[in-house]
N, C-alpha and C. Protein backbone atom coordinates (compact mmCIF):
# COMPACT_ATOMS: atom_id res chain seq x y z
N UNK A 1 2.28 3.24 -16.06
CA UNK A 1 1.88 2.22 -15.14
C UNK A 1 2.91 1.08 -15.13
N UNK A 2 3.47 0.78 -16.27
CA UNK A 2 4.49 -0.26 -16.36
C UNK A 2 5.68 0.09 -15.47
N UNK A 3 6.09 1.34 -15.52
CA UNK A 3 7.23 1.76 -14.70
C UNK A 3 6.90 1.68 -13.21
N UNK A 4 5.65 1.94 -12.86
CA UNK A 4 5.23 1.85 -11.45
C UNK A 4 5.29 0.40 -10.97
N UNK A 5 4.87 -0.54 -11.81
CA UNK A 5 4.91 -1.95 -11.44
C UNK A 5 6.37 -2.40 -11.29
N UNK A 6 7.24 -1.95 -12.18
CA UNK A 6 8.66 -2.27 -12.07
C UNK A 6 9.24 -1.69 -10.78
N UNK A 7 8.86 -0.45 -10.49
CA UNK A 7 9.33 0.20 -9.26
C UNK A 7 8.85 -0.57 -8.04
N UNK A 8 7.60 -1.01 -8.06
CA UNK A 8 7.06 -1.76 -6.93
C UNK A 8 7.80 -3.08 -6.75
N UNK A 9 8.10 -3.75 -7.84
CA UNK A 9 8.87 -5.00 -7.77
C UNK A 9 10.23 -4.75 -7.14
N UNK A 10 10.88 -3.67 -7.54
CA UNK A 10 12.18 -3.33 -6.97
C UNK A 10 12.07 -3.01 -5.48
N UNK A 11 11.03 -2.28 -5.10
CA UNK A 11 10.81 -1.96 -3.69
C UNK A 11 10.57 -3.23 -2.88
N UNK A 12 9.78 -4.15 -3.43
CA UNK A 12 9.53 -5.41 -2.74
C UNK A 12 10.83 -6.18 -2.56
N UNK A 13 11.62 -6.29 -3.63
CA UNK A 13 12.88 -7.02 -3.56
C UNK A 13 13.81 -6.40 -2.52
N UNK A 14 13.90 -5.09 -2.54
CA UNK A 14 14.76 -4.39 -1.58
C UNK A 14 14.28 -4.65 -0.15
N UNK A 15 12.99 -4.58 0.04
CA UNK A 15 12.41 -4.77 1.37
C UNK A 15 12.63 -6.20 1.86
N UNK A 16 12.50 -7.16 0.98
CA UNK A 16 12.63 -8.57 1.37
C UNK A 16 14.08 -9.02 1.53
N UNK A 17 15.01 -8.34 0.90
CA UNK A 17 16.41 -8.78 0.96
C UNK A 17 17.28 -7.94 1.89
N UNK A 18 16.67 -7.08 2.64
CA UNK A 18 17.48 -6.28 3.56
C UNK A 18 18.04 -7.19 4.65
N UNK A 19 19.22 -6.87 5.15
CA UNK A 19 19.90 -7.75 6.08
C UNK A 19 19.26 -7.84 7.47
N UNK A 20 18.56 -6.82 7.88
CA UNK A 20 17.95 -6.86 9.21
C UNK A 20 16.43 -6.85 9.10
N UNK A 21 15.80 -7.12 10.19
CA UNK A 21 14.34 -7.18 10.19
C UNK A 21 13.71 -5.96 10.83
N UNK A 22 14.50 -4.92 10.97
CA UNK A 22 13.97 -3.69 11.54
C UNK A 22 12.89 -3.13 10.63
N UNK A 23 11.93 -2.53 11.26
CA UNK A 23 10.87 -1.89 10.49
C UNK A 23 11.42 -0.64 9.82
N UNK A 24 11.23 -0.54 8.56
CA UNK A 24 11.63 0.65 7.83
C UNK A 24 10.35 1.28 7.30
N UNK A 25 9.80 2.17 8.10
CA UNK A 25 8.49 2.72 7.78
C UNK A 25 8.47 3.52 6.48
N UNK A 26 9.56 4.21 6.16
CA UNK A 26 9.57 4.99 4.91
C UNK A 26 9.51 4.05 3.70
N UNK A 27 10.21 2.94 3.79
CA UNK A 27 10.19 1.95 2.72
C UNK A 27 8.79 1.34 2.58
N UNK A 28 8.20 1.00 3.70
CA UNK A 28 6.86 0.41 3.68
C UNK A 28 5.82 1.42 3.21
N UNK A 29 5.99 2.67 3.58
CA UNK A 29 5.06 3.71 3.12
C UNK A 29 5.17 3.89 1.61
N UNK A 30 6.38 3.81 1.09
CA UNK A 30 6.57 3.94 -0.35
C UNK A 30 5.93 2.76 -1.09
N UNK A 31 6.07 1.56 -0.53
CA UNK A 31 5.43 0.38 -1.12
C UNK A 31 3.92 0.56 -1.11
N UNK A 32 3.39 1.00 0.02
CA UNK A 32 1.95 1.20 0.14
C UNK A 32 1.44 2.27 -0.82
N UNK A 33 2.18 3.36 -0.91
CA UNK A 33 1.78 4.46 -1.80
C UNK A 33 1.81 4.03 -3.27
N UNK A 34 2.86 3.33 -3.65
CA UNK A 34 2.99 2.86 -5.03
C UNK A 34 1.88 1.85 -5.36
N UNK A 35 1.59 0.98 -4.41
CA UNK A 35 0.51 0.00 -4.59
C UNK A 35 -0.83 0.70 -4.79
N UNK A 36 -1.10 1.70 -3.97
CA UNK A 36 -2.35 2.46 -4.10
C UNK A 36 -2.42 3.18 -5.44
N UNK A 37 -1.30 3.76 -5.87
CA UNK A 37 -1.26 4.45 -7.17
C UNK A 37 -1.60 3.49 -8.31
N UNK A 38 -0.97 2.32 -8.29
CA UNK A 38 -1.20 1.34 -9.35
C UNK A 38 -2.65 0.87 -9.33
N UNK A 39 -3.16 0.59 -8.15
CA UNK A 39 -4.55 0.14 -8.02
C UNK A 39 -5.51 1.19 -8.55
N UNK A 40 -5.26 2.44 -8.22
CA UNK A 40 -6.10 3.53 -8.69
C UNK A 40 -6.04 3.65 -10.22
N UNK A 41 -4.84 3.57 -10.77
CA UNK A 41 -4.69 3.66 -12.23
C UNK A 41 -5.40 2.50 -12.93
N UNK A 42 -5.26 1.29 -12.38
CA UNK A 42 -5.92 0.13 -12.97
C UNK A 42 -7.44 0.29 -12.93
N UNK A 43 -7.95 0.75 -11.80
CA UNK A 43 -9.40 0.97 -11.69
C UNK A 43 -9.89 2.01 -12.69
N UNK A 44 -9.15 3.09 -12.84
CA UNK A 44 -9.51 4.13 -13.80
C UNK A 44 -9.50 3.57 -15.22
N UNK A 45 -8.49 2.80 -15.55
CA UNK A 45 -8.40 2.20 -16.89
C UNK A 45 -9.55 1.23 -17.14
N UNK A 46 -9.86 0.39 -16.16
CA UNK A 46 -10.97 -0.55 -16.31
C UNK A 46 -12.29 0.19 -16.54
N UNK A 47 -12.51 1.25 -15.79
CA UNK A 47 -13.75 2.03 -15.97
C UNK A 47 -13.78 2.69 -17.35
N UNK A 48 -12.63 3.16 -17.82
CA UNK A 48 -12.57 3.78 -19.15
C UNK A 48 -12.87 2.76 -20.24
N UNK A 49 -12.33 1.57 -20.11
CA UNK A 49 -12.60 0.51 -21.09
C UNK A 49 -14.09 0.19 -21.11
N UNK A 50 -14.70 0.11 -19.94
CA UNK A 50 -16.14 -0.17 -19.87
C UNK A 50 -16.95 0.95 -20.52
N UNK A 51 -16.54 2.18 -20.28
CA UNK A 51 -17.25 3.33 -20.86
C UNK A 51 -17.12 3.32 -22.38
N UNK A 52 -15.91 3.08 -22.87
CA UNK A 52 -15.69 3.03 -24.31
C UNK A 52 -16.50 1.88 -24.93
N UNK A 53 -16.53 0.75 -24.25
CA UNK A 53 -17.31 -0.39 -24.73
C UNK A 53 -18.78 -0.03 -24.84
N UNK A 54 -19.28 0.65 -23.85
CA UNK A 54 -20.68 1.08 -23.85
C UNK A 54 -20.96 2.04 -25.00
N UNK A 55 -20.06 2.98 -25.22
CA UNK A 55 -20.24 3.96 -26.29
C UNK A 55 -20.07 3.33 -27.67
N UNK A 56 -19.23 2.31 -27.75
CA UNK A 56 -18.99 1.62 -29.02
C UNK A 56 -20.25 0.93 -29.51
N UNK A 57 -21.02 0.42 -28.59
CA UNK A 57 -22.26 -0.28 -28.98
C UNK A 57 -23.24 0.63 -29.69
N UNK A 58 -23.07 1.94 -29.54
CA UNK A 58 -23.99 2.90 -30.17
C UNK A 58 -23.41 3.49 -31.46
N UNK A 59 -22.23 3.04 -31.86
CA UNK A 59 -21.56 3.59 -33.04
C UNK A 59 -22.08 2.98 -34.33
N UNK A 60 -21.68 3.62 -35.45
CA UNK A 60 -22.00 3.10 -36.78
C UNK A 60 -21.13 1.86 -37.04
N UNK A 61 -21.46 1.09 -38.05
CA UNK A 61 -20.82 -0.19 -38.32
C UNK A 61 -19.30 -0.09 -38.50
N UNK A 62 -18.81 0.79 -39.40
CA UNK A 62 -17.37 0.91 -39.63
C UNK A 62 -16.66 1.45 -38.39
N UNK A 63 -17.26 2.44 -37.77
CA UNK A 63 -16.68 2.99 -36.55
C UNK A 63 -16.67 1.95 -35.44
N UNK A 64 -17.70 1.16 -35.41
CA UNK A 64 -17.85 0.15 -34.37
C UNK A 64 -16.75 -0.90 -34.48
N UNK A 65 -16.46 -1.33 -35.69
CA UNK A 65 -15.42 -2.34 -35.91
C UNK A 65 -14.06 -1.81 -35.47
N UNK A 66 -13.74 -0.59 -35.88
CA UNK A 66 -12.47 0.02 -35.49
C UNK A 66 -12.39 0.18 -33.98
N UNK A 67 -13.45 0.68 -33.39
CA UNK A 67 -13.48 0.89 -31.94
C UNK A 67 -13.34 -0.44 -31.20
N UNK A 68 -13.98 -1.48 -31.70
CA UNK A 68 -13.87 -2.79 -31.06
C UNK A 68 -12.44 -3.33 -31.13
N UNK A 69 -11.77 -3.13 -32.26
CA UNK A 69 -10.38 -3.57 -32.39
C UNK A 69 -9.47 -2.83 -31.41
N UNK A 70 -9.65 -1.53 -31.31
CA UNK A 70 -8.85 -0.73 -30.37
C UNK A 70 -9.18 -1.15 -28.94
N UNK A 71 -10.44 -1.36 -28.67
CA UNK A 71 -10.89 -1.75 -27.34
C UNK A 71 -10.30 -3.10 -26.94
N UNK A 72 -10.29 -4.05 -27.86
CA UNK A 72 -9.72 -5.37 -27.56
C UNK A 72 -8.23 -5.28 -27.28
N UNK A 73 -7.51 -4.50 -28.06
CA UNK A 73 -6.07 -4.34 -27.84
C UNK A 73 -5.80 -3.67 -26.49
N UNK A 74 -6.58 -2.66 -26.18
CA UNK A 74 -6.41 -1.95 -24.92
C UNK A 74 -6.75 -2.85 -23.74
N UNK A 75 -7.85 -3.57 -23.85
CA UNK A 75 -8.26 -4.47 -22.77
C UNK A 75 -7.23 -5.57 -22.56
N UNK A 76 -6.65 -6.06 -23.63
CA UNK A 76 -5.62 -7.09 -23.53
C UNK A 76 -4.37 -6.56 -22.82
N UNK A 77 -3.94 -5.37 -23.20
CA UNK A 77 -2.77 -4.76 -22.55
C UNK A 77 -3.06 -4.50 -21.07
N UNK A 78 -4.25 -4.05 -20.78
CA UNK A 78 -4.64 -3.78 -19.40
C UNK A 78 -4.68 -5.08 -18.59
N UNK A 79 -5.16 -6.13 -19.20
CA UNK A 79 -5.20 -7.42 -18.53
C UNK A 79 -3.78 -7.91 -18.23
N UNK A 80 -2.87 -7.75 -19.18
CA UNK A 80 -1.47 -8.14 -18.96
C UNK A 80 -0.86 -7.38 -17.79
N UNK A 81 -1.12 -6.08 -17.73
CA UNK A 81 -0.61 -5.27 -16.61
C UNK A 81 -1.22 -5.70 -15.28
N UNK A 82 -2.49 -6.00 -15.30
CA UNK A 82 -3.16 -6.44 -14.08
C UNK A 82 -2.56 -7.75 -13.58
N UNK A 83 -2.29 -8.67 -14.49
CA UNK A 83 -1.68 -9.95 -14.12
C UNK A 83 -0.29 -9.72 -13.54
N UNK A 84 0.50 -8.85 -14.17
CA UNK A 84 1.85 -8.56 -13.66
C UNK A 84 1.78 -7.96 -12.26
N UNK A 85 0.85 -7.04 -12.06
CA UNK A 85 0.69 -6.41 -10.76
C UNK A 85 0.29 -7.44 -9.70
N UNK A 86 -0.67 -8.28 -10.03
CA UNK A 86 -1.11 -9.30 -9.08
C UNK A 86 0.01 -10.29 -8.76
N UNK A 87 0.79 -10.64 -9.77
CA UNK A 87 1.91 -11.55 -9.56
C UNK A 87 2.95 -10.90 -8.65
N UNK A 88 3.21 -9.64 -8.88
CA UNK A 88 4.15 -8.88 -8.05
C UNK A 88 3.67 -8.89 -6.60
N UNK A 89 2.40 -8.61 -6.38
CA UNK A 89 1.83 -8.60 -5.03
C UNK A 89 1.89 -9.99 -4.41
N UNK A 90 1.55 -11.00 -5.18
CA UNK A 90 1.55 -12.36 -4.67
C UNK A 90 2.95 -12.81 -4.26
N UNK A 91 3.94 -12.51 -5.09
CA UNK A 91 5.32 -12.87 -4.78
C UNK A 91 5.79 -12.20 -3.50
N UNK A 92 5.39 -10.98 -3.30
CA UNK A 92 5.79 -10.22 -2.11
C UNK A 92 5.14 -10.80 -0.85
N UNK A 93 3.89 -11.19 -0.96
CA UNK A 93 3.16 -11.68 0.21
C UNK A 93 3.51 -13.11 0.59
N UNK A 94 4.08 -13.85 -0.34
CA UNK A 94 4.43 -15.24 -0.04
C UNK A 94 5.88 -15.33 0.19
């Protein structure tokens, strides 16, 4: 997912810095496709974190602590990626 966000940033930069204003539909389609891919991956990850969180609540004490630590680290990394993606989108739209 990190590589997809980097790719999207590069596509945005390329699209915004081109010398002419002609519509380049293949470039725009690639931006749209990459954006949809990232959005889908983020949604899948968010749902997985929620599912793991739900299952963790039913675990034994030692397992629960370990699962919560892993869950927090994963959720934090996912949040960082989400922020990067949103920033990328915001920079492109403004």
